[in-house]
C-alpha atoms as a PDB file:
ATOM      1  CA  UNK A   1     -23.577  -8.989 -31.152  1.00  0.00           C
ATOM      2  CA  UNK A   2     -23.684  -5.193 -30.880  1.00  0.00           C
ATOM      3  CA  UNK A   3     -21.157  -3.395 -28.645  1.00  0.00           C
ATOM      4  CA  UNK A   4     -22.336  -2.613 -25.110  1.00  0.00           C
ATOM      5  CA  UNK A   5     -23.296   1.007 -24.540  1.00  0.00           C
ATOM      6  CA  UNK A   6     -21.330   2.784 -21.820  1.00  0.00           C
ATOM      7  CA  UNK A   7     -21.280   6.255 -20.292  1.00  0.00           C
ATOM      8  CA  UNK A   8     -18.185   6.655 -18.122  1.00  0.00           C
ATOM      9  CA  UNK A   9     -17.157   9.539 -15.880  1.00  0.00           C
ATOM     10  CA  UNK A  10     -13.503  10.338 -15.183  1.00  0.00           C
ATOM     11  CA  UNK A  11     -13.241  12.474 -12.055  1.00  0.00           C
ATOM     12  CA  UNK A  12      -9.475  12.897 -12.510  1.00  0.00           C
ATOM     13  CA  UNK A  13      -7.888  14.490  -9.396  1.00  0.00           C
ATOM     14  CA  UNK A  14     -11.192  15.896  -8.162  1.00  0.00           C
ATOM     15  CA  UNK A  15     -13.641  14.949  -5.451  1.00  0.00           C
ATOM     16  CA  UNK A  16     -13.606  13.963  -1.794  1.00  0.00           C
ATOM     17  CA  UNK A  17     -15.845  11.997   0.550  1.00  0.00           C
ATOM     18  CA  UNK A  18     -18.406  14.809   0.534  1.00  0.00           C
ATOM     19  CA  UNK A  19     -18.594  14.544  -3.268  1.00  0.00           C
ATOM     20  CA  UNK A  20     -20.028  11.048  -2.915  1.00  0.00           C
ATOM     21  CA  UNK A  21     -23.383  12.735  -2.255  1.00  0.00           C
ATOM     22  CA  UNK A  22     -23.543  13.108  -6.060  1.00  0.00           C
ATOM     23  CA  UNK A  23     -23.473   9.339  -6.455  1.00  0.00           C
ATOM     24  CA  UNK A  24     -27.006   8.736  -5.178  1.00  0.00           C
ATOM     25  CA  UNK A  25     -28.716  10.565  -8.027  1.00  0.00           C
ATOM     26  CA  UNK A  26     -26.269   9.235 -10.613  1.00  0.00           C
ATOM     27  CA  UNK A  27     -26.821   5.655  -9.429  1.00  0.00           C
ATOM     28  CA  UNK A  28     -30.575   6.137  -9.592  1.00  0.00           C
ATOM     29  CA  UNK A  29     -30.306   7.368 -13.180  1.00  0.00           C
ATOM     30  CA  UNK A  30     -28.067   4.436 -14.025  1.00  0.00           C
ATOM     31  CA  UNK A  31     -30.818   2.002 -13.051  1.00  0.00           C
ATOM     32  CA  UNK A  32     -33.142   3.484 -15.644  1.00  0.00           C
ATOM     33  CA  UNK A  33     -30.494   3.917 -18.347  1.00  0.00           C
ATOM     34  CA  UNK A  34     -30.250   1.925 -21.520  1.00  0.00           C
ATOM     35  CA  UNK A  35     -26.495   1.621 -21.006  1.00  0.00           C
ATOM     36  CA  UNK A  36     -23.846   0.780 -18.443  1.00  0.00           C
ATOM     37  CA  UNK A  37     -22.795   3.710 -16.237  1.00  0.00           C
ATOM     38  CA  UNK A  38     -19.316   3.924 -14.743  1.00  0.00           C
ATOM     39  CA  UNK A  39     -17.486   6.447 -12.583  1.00  0.00           C
ATOM     40  CA  UNK A  40     -13.716   6.425 -12.156  1.00  0.00           C
ATOM     41  CA  UNK A  41     -12.960   8.557  -9.075  1.00  0.00           C
ATOM     42  CA  UNK A  42      -9.539   9.129  -7.492  1.00  0.00           C
ATOM     43  CA  UNK A  43      -8.198   5.838  -6.167  1.00  0.00           C
ATOM     44  CA  UNK A  44      -8.814   6.774  -2.535  1.00  0.00           C
ATOM     45  CA  UNK A  45     -12.559   7.014  -3.247  1.00  0.00           C
ATOM     46  CA  UNK A  46     -13.041   3.760  -5.174  1.00  0.00           C
ATOM     47  CA  UNK A  47     -13.929   1.648  -2.133  1.00  0.00           C
ATOM     48  CA  UNK A  48     -16.186   4.271  -0.563  1.00  0.00           C
ATOM     49  CA  UNK A  49     -17.992   4.929  -3.848  1.00  0.00           C
ATOM     50  CA  UNK A  50     -18.567   1.228  -4.448  1.00  0.00           C
ATOM     51  CA  UNK A  51     -19.840   0.784  -0.884  1.00  0.00           C
ATOM     52  CA  UNK A  52     -22.286   3.635  -1.389  1.00  0.00           C
ATOM     53  CA  UNK A  53     -23.511   2.701  -4.866  1.00  0.00           C
ATOM     54  CA  UNK A  54     -23.494  -1.070  -4.488  1.00  0.00           C
ATOM     55  CA  UNK A  55     -24.570  -2.802  -7.670  1.00  0.00           C
ATOM     56  CA  UNK A  56     -26.363   0.279  -8.971  1.00  0.00           C
ATOM     57  CA  UNK A  57     -23.225   1.785 -10.484  1.00  0.00           C
ATOM     58  CA  UNK A  58     -19.955   0.532 -11.944  1.00  0.00           C
ATOM     59  CA  UNK A  59     -16.801   1.950 -10.359  1.00  0.00           C
ATOM     60  CA  UNK A  60     -13.305   2.002 -11.815  1.00  0.00           C
ATOM     61  CA  UNK A  61      -9.776   3.297 -11.408  1.00  0.00           C
ATOM     62  CA  UNK A  62      -7.918   5.929 -13.406  1.00  0.00           C
ATOM     63  CA  UNK A  63      -4.618   4.092 -13.836  1.00  0.00           C
ATOM     64  CA  UNK A  64      -2.756   0.965 -12.749  1.00  0.00           C
ATOM     65  CA  UNK A  65       0.802  -0.329 -12.647  1.00  0.00           C
ATOM     66  CA  UNK A  66       2.060  -2.988 -15.015  1.00  0.00           C
ATOM     67  CA  UNK A  67       3.112  -5.210 -12.080  1.00  0.00           C
ATOM     68  CA  UNK A  68       0.825  -7.074  -9.685  1.00  0.00           C
ATOM     69  CA  UNK A  69       2.890  -6.026  -6.631  1.00  0.00           C
ATOM     70  CA  UNK A  70       6.341  -4.887  -5.611  1.00  0.00           C
ATOM     71  CA  UNK A  71       8.524  -1.930  -4.702  1.00  0.00           C
ATOM     72  CA  UNK A  72       6.621   0.730  -6.620  1.00  0.00           C
ATOM     73  CA  UNK A  73       5.943   3.493  -4.116  1.00  0.00           C
ATOM     74  CA  UNK A  74       2.819   5.476  -4.854  1.00  0.00           C
ATOM     75  CA  UNK A  75       1.543   3.150  -7.565  1.00  0.00           C
ATOM     76  CA  UNK A  76      -1.578   0.981  -7.557  1.00  0.00           C
ATOM     77  CA  UNK A  77      -1.879  -2.545  -8.894  1.00  0.00           C
ATOM     78  CA  UNK A  78      -4.843  -3.595 -10.987  1.00  0.00           C
ATOM     79  CA  UNK A  79      -5.601  -6.425  -8.571  1.00  0.00           C
ATOM     80  CA  UNK A  80      -5.791  -3.892  -5.716  1.00  0.00           C
ATOM     81  CA  UNK A  81      -8.400  -1.910  -7.624  1.00  0.00           C
ATOM     82  CA  UNK A  82     -10.318  -5.119  -8.239  1.00  0.00           C
ATOM     83  CA  UNK A  83     -10.079  -6.006  -4.541  1.00  0.00           C
ATOM     84  CA  UNK A  84     -11.921  -2.827  -3.498  1.00  0.00           C
ATOM     85  CA  UNK A  85     -14.719  -3.225  -6.027  1.00  0.00           C
ATOM     86  CA  UNK A  86     -13.479  -1.742  -9.307  1.00  0.00           C
ATOM     87  CA  UNK A  87     -14.550  -3.375 -12.549  1.00  0.00           C
ATOM     88  CA  UNK A  88     -12.718  -1.068 -14.991  1.00  0.00           C
ATOM     89  CA  UNK A  89      -9.533   0.973 -15.194  1.00  0.00           C
ATOM     90  CA  UNK A  90      -8.560   3.780 -17.549  1.00  0.00           C
ATOM     91  CA  UNK A  91      -5.147   3.394 -19.193  1.00  0.00           C
ATOM     92  CA  UNK A  92      -3.335   5.639 -21.636  1.00  0.00           C
ATOM     93  CA  UNK A  93      -5.273   8.829 -20.984  1.00  0.00           C
ATOM     94  CA  UNK A  94      -3.621  11.729 -22.789  1.00  0.00           C
ATOM     95  CA  UNK A  95      -2.783  13.344 -19.459  1.00  0.00           C
ATOM     96  CA  UNK A  96      -0.838  10.215 -18.470  1.00  0.00           C
ATOM     97  CA  UNK A  97       0.826  10.009 -21.881  1.00  0.00           C
ATOM     98  CA  UNK A  98       1.860  13.678 -21.725  1.00  0.00           C
ATOM     99  CA  UNK A  99       2.518  14.297 -18.027  1.00  0.00           C
ATOM    100  CA  UNK A 100       4.129  10.921 -17.290  1.00  0.00           C
ATOM    101  CA  UNK A 101       5.672  10.218 -20.710  1.00  0.00           C
ATOM    102  CA  UNK A 102       3.734   6.971 -21.109  1.00  0.00           C
ATOM    103  CA  UNK A 103       4.228   5.259 -24.445  1.00  0.00           C
ATOM    104  CA  UNK A 104       1.693   3.086 -26.220  1.00  0.00           C
ATOM    105  CA  UNK A 105       3.812   0.107 -25.212  1.00  0.00           C
ATOM    106  CA  UNK A 106       3.452   1.182 -21.566  1.00  0.00           C
ATOM    107  CA  UNK A 107      -0.292   1.441 -22.091  1.00  0.00           C
ATOM    108  CA  UNK A 108      -0.462  -2.059 -23.576  1.00  0.00           C
ATOM    109  CA  UNK A 109       1.405  -3.445 -20.566  1.00  0.00           C
ATOM    110  CA  UNK A 110      -1.015  -1.727 -18.182  1.00  0.00           C
ATOM    111  CA  UNK A 111      -4.005  -3.024 -20.154  1.00  0.00           C
ATOM    112  CA  UNK A 112      -2.571  -6.531 -20.000  1.00  0.00           C
ATOM    113  CA  UNK A 113      -2.156  -6.184 -16.220  1.00  0.00           C
ATOM    114  CA  UNK A 114      -5.763  -5.039 -15.972  1.00  0.00           C
ATOM    115  CA  UNK A 115      -6.924  -8.055 -17.954  1.00  0.00           C
ATOM    116  CA  UNK A 116      -4.879 -10.391 -15.763  1.00  0.00           C
ATOM    117  CA  UNK A 117      -6.599  -8.940 -12.684  1.00  0.00           C
ATOM    118  CA  UNK A 118     -10.048  -9.343 -14.201  1.00  0.00           C
ATOM    119  CA  UNK A 119     -10.636  -5.666 -14.986  1.00  0.00           C
ATOM    120  CA  UNK A 120     -11.894  -4.122 -18.193  1.00  0.00           C
ATOM    121  CA  UNK A 121      -9.256  -1.786 -19.610  1.00  0.00           C
ATOM    122  CA  UNK A 122     -10.452   1.493 -21.112  1.00  0.00           C
ATOM    123  CA  UNK A 123      -7.649   2.279 -23.564  1.00  0.00           C
ATOM    124  CA  UNK A 124      -7.486   5.963 -24.505  1.00  0.00           C
ATOM    125  CA  UNK A 125      -6.231   7.323 -27.817  1.00  0.00           C
ATOM    126  CA  UNK A 126      -6.084  10.822 -29.245  1.00  0.00           C
ATOM    127  CA  UNK A 127      -4.231  13.270 -31.434  1.00  0.00           C
ATOM    128  CA  UNK A 128      -2.837  16.675 -30.505  1.00  0.00           C
ATOM    129  CA  UNK A 129      -3.923  19.903 -32.161  1.00  0.00           C
ATOM    130  CA  UNK A 130      -0.702  19.999 -34.194  1.00  0.00           C
ATOM    131  CA  UNK A 131      -1.302  16.454 -35.429  1.00  0.00           C
ATOM    132  CA  UNK A 132      -4.882  17.327 -36.368  1.00  0.00           C
ATOM    133  CA  UNK A 133      -3.751  20.451 -38.209  1.00  0.00           C
ATOM    134  CA  UNK A 134      -1.082  18.446 -40.042  1.00  0.00           C
ATOM    135  CA  UNK A 135      -3.740  16.061 -41.338  1.00  0.00           C
ATOM    136  CA  UNK A 136      -2.193  13.048 -39.593  1.00  0.00           C
ATOM    137  CA  UNK A 137      -5.057  12.197 -37.238  1.00  0.00           C
ATOM    138  CA  UNK A 138      -5.934   8.802 -38.713  1.00  0.00           C
ATOM    139  CA  UNK A 139      -2.294   7.777 -38.953  1.00  0.00           C
ATOM    140  CA  UNK A 140      -1.665   8.745 -35.325  1.00  0.00           C
ATOM    141  CA  UNK A 141      -4.788   6.983 -34.071  1.00  0.00           C
ATOM    142  CA  UNK A 142      -4.039   3.818 -36.045  1.00  0.00           C
ATOM    143  CA  UNK A 143      -0.505   3.654 -34.654  1.00  0.00           C
ATOM    144  CA  UNK A 144      -1.687   4.211 -31.074  1.00  0.00           C
ATOM    145  CA  UNK A 145      -4.353   1.532 -31.403  1.00  0.00           C
ATOM    146  CA  UNK A 146      -1.994  -1.047 -32.882  1.00  0.00           C
ATOM    147  CA  UNK A 147       0.588  -0.518 -30.125  1.00  0.00           C
ATOM    148  CA  UNK A 148      -1.759   0.042 -27.147  1.00  0.00           C
ATOM    149  CA  UNK A 149      -4.043  -3.000 -27.427  1.00  0.00           C
ATOM    150  CA  UNK A 150      -2.317  -6.078 -25.947  1.00  0.00           C
ATOM    151  CA  UNK A 151      -2.603  -9.649 -27.066  1.00  0.00           C
ATOM    152  CA  UNK A 152      -5.491 -11.296 -25.315  1.00  0.00           C
ATOM    153  CA  UNK A 153      -7.721  -8.251 -25.685  1.00  0.00           C
ATOM    154  CA  UNK A 154     -11.360  -9.006 -26.432  1.00  0.00           C
ATOM    155  CA  UNK A 155     -14.639  -7.136 -26.556  1.00  0.00           C
ATOM    156  CA  UNK A 156     -15.280  -8.531 -23.089  1.00  0.00           C
ATOM    157  CA  UNK A 157     -12.228  -7.004 -21.424  1.00  0.00           C
ATOM    158  CA  UNK A 158     -11.418  -3.947 -23.535  1.00  0.00           C
ATOM    159  CA  UNK A 159     -13.043  -0.597 -24.293  1.00  0.00           C
ATOM    160  CA  UNK A 160     -11.425   1.955 -26.606  1.00  0.00           C
ATOM    161  CA  UNK A 161     -11.926   5.679 -26.023  1.00  0.00           C
ATOM    162  CA  UNK A 162     -11.093   8.313 -28.627  1.00  0.00           C
ATOM    163  CA  UNK A 163     -10.286  11.629 -26.977  1.00  0.00           C
ATOM    164  CA  UNK A 164      -8.775  14.309 -29.211  1.00  0.00           C
ATOM    165  CA  UNK A 165      -6.275  16.016 -26.921  1.00  0.00           C
ATOM    166  CA  UNK A 166      -7.218  19.463 -28.176  1.00  0.00           C
ATOM    167  CA  UNK A 167     -10.871  18.940 -27.141  1.00  0.00           C
ATOM    168  CA  UNK A 168     -10.313  17.755 -23.567  1.00  0.00           C
ATOM    169  CA  UNK A 169     -11.555  20.386 -21.152  1.00  0.00           C
ATOM    170  CA  UNK A 170     -11.396  23.138 -23.753  1.00  0.00           C
ATOM    171  CA  UNK A 171     -15.028  23.334 -24.772  1.00  0.00           C
ATOM    172  CA  UNK A 172     -13.979  22.591 -28.368  1.00  0.00           C
ATOM    173  CA  UNK A 173     -15.579  19.544 -29.953  1.00  0.00           C
ATOM    174  CA  UNK A 174     -14.824  17.990 -33.356  1.00  0.00           C
ATOM    175  CA  UNK A 175     -17.742  18.136 -35.742  1.00  0.00           C
ATOM    176  CA  UNK A 176     -19.767  14.983 -36.292  1.00  0.00           C
ATOM    177  CA  UNK A 177     -17.963  14.167 -39.531  1.00  0.00           C
ATOM    178  CA  UNK A 178     -14.569  14.299 -37.790  1.00  0.00           C
ATOM    179  CA  UNK A 179     -15.742  12.065 -34.949  1.00  0.00           C
ATOM    180  CA  UNK A 180     -17.357   9.641 -37.393  1.00  0.00           C
ATOM    181  CA  UNK A 181     -14.192   9.446 -39.495  1.00  0.00           C
ATOM    182  CA  UNK A 182     -12.045   8.447 -36.519  1.00  0.00           C
ATOM    183  CA  UNK A 183     -14.575   6.010 -35.050  1.00  0.00           C
ATOM    184  CA  UNK A 184     -15.068   4.347 -38.424  1.00  0.00           C
ATOM    185  CA  UNK A 185     -11.293   3.926 -38.703  1.00  0.00           C
ATOM    186  CA  UNK A 186     -11.096   2.513 -35.177  1.00  0.00           C
ATOM    187  CA  UNK A 187     -13.829   0.005 -35.943  1.00  0.00           C
ATOM    188  CA  UNK A 188     -12.142  -1.021 -39.179  1.00  0.00           C
ATOM    189  CA  UNK A 189      -8.784  -1.523 -37.483  1.00  0.00           C
ATOM    190  CA  UNK A 190     -10.272  -3.328 -34.476  1.00  0.00           C
ATOM    191  CA  UNK A 191     -12.039  -5.758 -36.797  1.00  0.00           C
ATOM    192  CA  UNK A 192      -8.685  -6.456 -38.445  1.00  0.00           C
ATOM    193  CA  UNK A 193      -6.835  -6.738 -35.119  1.00  0.00           C
ATOM    194  CA  UNK A 194      -9.305  -8.710 -32.973  1.00  0.00           C
ATOM    195  CA  UNK A 195     -11.638 -11.611 -33.814  1.00  0.00           C
ATOM    196  CA  UNK A 196     -14.511  -9.793 -32.082  1.00  0.00           C
ATOM    197  CA  UNK A 197     -13.447  -6.254 -32.989  1.00  0.00           C
ATOM    198  CA  UNK A 198     -16.953  -5.464 -34.235  1.00  0.00           C
ATOM    199  CA  UNK A 199     -18.202  -5.864 -30.652  1.00  0.00           C
ATOM    200  CA  UNK A 200     -15.652  -3.652 -28.870  1.00  0.00           C
ATOM    201  CA  UNK A 201     -17.264  -0.628 -27.201  1.00  0.00           C
ATOM    202  CA  UNK A 202     -15.979   2.647 -28.675  1.00  0.00           C
ATOM    203  CA  UNK A 203     -16.311   5.801 -26.583  1.00  0.00           C
ATOM    204  CA  UNK A 204     -15.892   9.425 -27.569  1.00  0.00           C
ATOM    205  CA  UNK A 205     -14.436  11.855 -25.035  1.00  0.00           C
ATOM    206  CA  UNK A 206     -13.617  15.535 -25.114  1.00  0.00           C
ATOM    207  CA  UNK A 207     -15.918  18.291 -23.828  1.00  0.00           C
ATOM    208  CA  UNK A 208     -18.990  16.027 -23.823  1.00  0.00           C
ATOM    209  CA  UNK A 209     -21.904  17.731 -22.092  1.00  0.00           C
ATOM    210  CA  UNK A 210     -25.689  17.584 -21.888  1.00  0.00           C
ATOM    211  CA  UNK A 211     -26.092  19.934 -24.826  1.00  0.00           C
ATOM    212  CA  UNK A 212     -24.119  17.848 -27.336  1.00  0.00           C
ATOM    213  CA  UNK A 213     -24.381  14.290 -25.991  1.00  0.00           C
ATOM    214  CA  UNK A 214     -27.392  13.171 -28.023  1.00  0.00           C
ATOM    215  CA  UNK A 215     -25.830  14.400 -31.282  1.00  0.00           C
ATOM    216  CA  UNK A 216     -22.569  12.600 -30.488  1.00  0.00           C
ATOM    217  CA  UNK A 217     -24.326   9.375 -29.485  1.00  0.00           C
ATOM    218  CA  UNK A 218     -26.177   9.346 -32.815  1.00  0.00           C
ATOM    219  CA  UNK A 219     -22.902   9.019 -34.745  1.00  0.00           C
ATOM    220  CA  UNK A 220     -22.298   5.482 -36.066  1.00  0.00           C
ATOM    221  CA  UNK A 221     -19.686   3.523 -34.103  1.00  0.00           C
ATOM    222  CA  UNK A 222     -19.986   5.820 -31.093  1.00  0.00           C
ATOM    223  CA  UNK A 223     -21.129   3.499 -28.308  1.00  0.00           C
ATOM    224  CA  UNK A 224     -20.946   6.000 -25.462  1.00  0.00           C
ATOM    225  CA  UNK A 225     -18.726   8.604 -23.877  1.00  0.00           C
ATOM    226  CA  UNK A 226     -15.828   9.146 -21.512  1.00  0.00           C
ATOM    227  CA  UNK A 227     -16.818  12.318 -19.691  1.00  0.00           C
ATOM    228  CA  UNK A 228     -14.499  14.539 -17.666  1.00  0.00           C
ATOM    229  CA  UNK A 229     -15.654  17.659 -15.849  1.00  0.00           C
ATOM    230  CA  UNK A 230     -19.330  17.148 -16.625  1.00  0.00           C
ATOM    231  CA  UNK A 231     -19.306  13.880 -14.632  1.00  0.00           C
ATOM    232  CA  UNK A 232     -18.489  15.567 -11.320  1.00  0.00           C
ATOM    233  CA  UNK A 233     -22.019  16.772 -10.590  1.00  0.00           C
ATOM    234  CA  UNK A 234     -25.196  14.755 -10.973  1.00  0.00           C
ATOM    235  CA  UNK A 235     -26.973  17.770 -12.483  1.00  0.00           C
ATOM    236  CA  UNK A 236     -24.498  17.699 -15.383  1.00  0.00           C
ATOM    237  CA  UNK A 237     -23.880  13.966 -15.716  1.00  0.00           C
ATOM    238  CA  UNK A 238     -27.416  12.585 -15.447  1.00  0.00           C
ATOM    239  CA  UNK A 239     -28.637  14.376 -18.630  1.00  0.00           C
ATOM    240  CA  UNK A 240     -25.718  12.836 -20.525  1.00  0.00           C
ATOM    241  CA  UNK A 241     -26.697   9.387 -19.263  1.00  0.00           C
ATOM    242  CA  UNK A 242     -30.300   9.998 -20.299  1.00  0.00           C
ATOM    243  CA  UNK A 243     -29.182  11.131 -23.764  1.00  0.00           C
ATOM    244  CA  UNK A 244     -28.028   7.570 -24.399  1.00  0.00           C
ATOM    245  CA  UNK A 245     -31.506   6.090 -23.819  1.00  0.00           C
END
């Protein structure tokens, strides 16, 4: 079975209730798309976005705690995201790894919590500019993948997103050969690590926009995208969705 195609938007710490006006056009485009379409807004907007989009659009969270409940002020449990309509949650984004010192072991624990709650975990991986320049990209990615994917992961509950840190929000994009090299390595390692690794959805993220989406989607083993800033406005995000069809 081929991996499911997915275009996901990560709103990060952007958006408010007024921004949900963008959802109507995005949801309409999702109905005609040849792929799944997901938006991960700030946690406070998950319920409102799901209520507005209904079954026309998938909605997810941007992070979750490793525990199902407890004395963890300010954190959100995976089951709480599920309770308000989320189907997915991003874990291990480079901004969480850098700003909150999350290790790959932390990411694996969060992904396991997501699985336990019935959510699909979008596990993010990526090298820094220094690691790219040192020629250690594949080694870094392989180590992150091995340590970030928990036992019990399957193609049904796990998506892997490759986001080179140096390309996130910078306008810089790896060339097609660089993206293909990493995605081929991810596929190879997933097939060795999971019984259904050939079916795991692999996303590329990092300055994806309407102008380069079709070229990126044409790369083998790229099954979609994790989009940052370009997912905030329907005028920018809808063309990316349509590039997948």
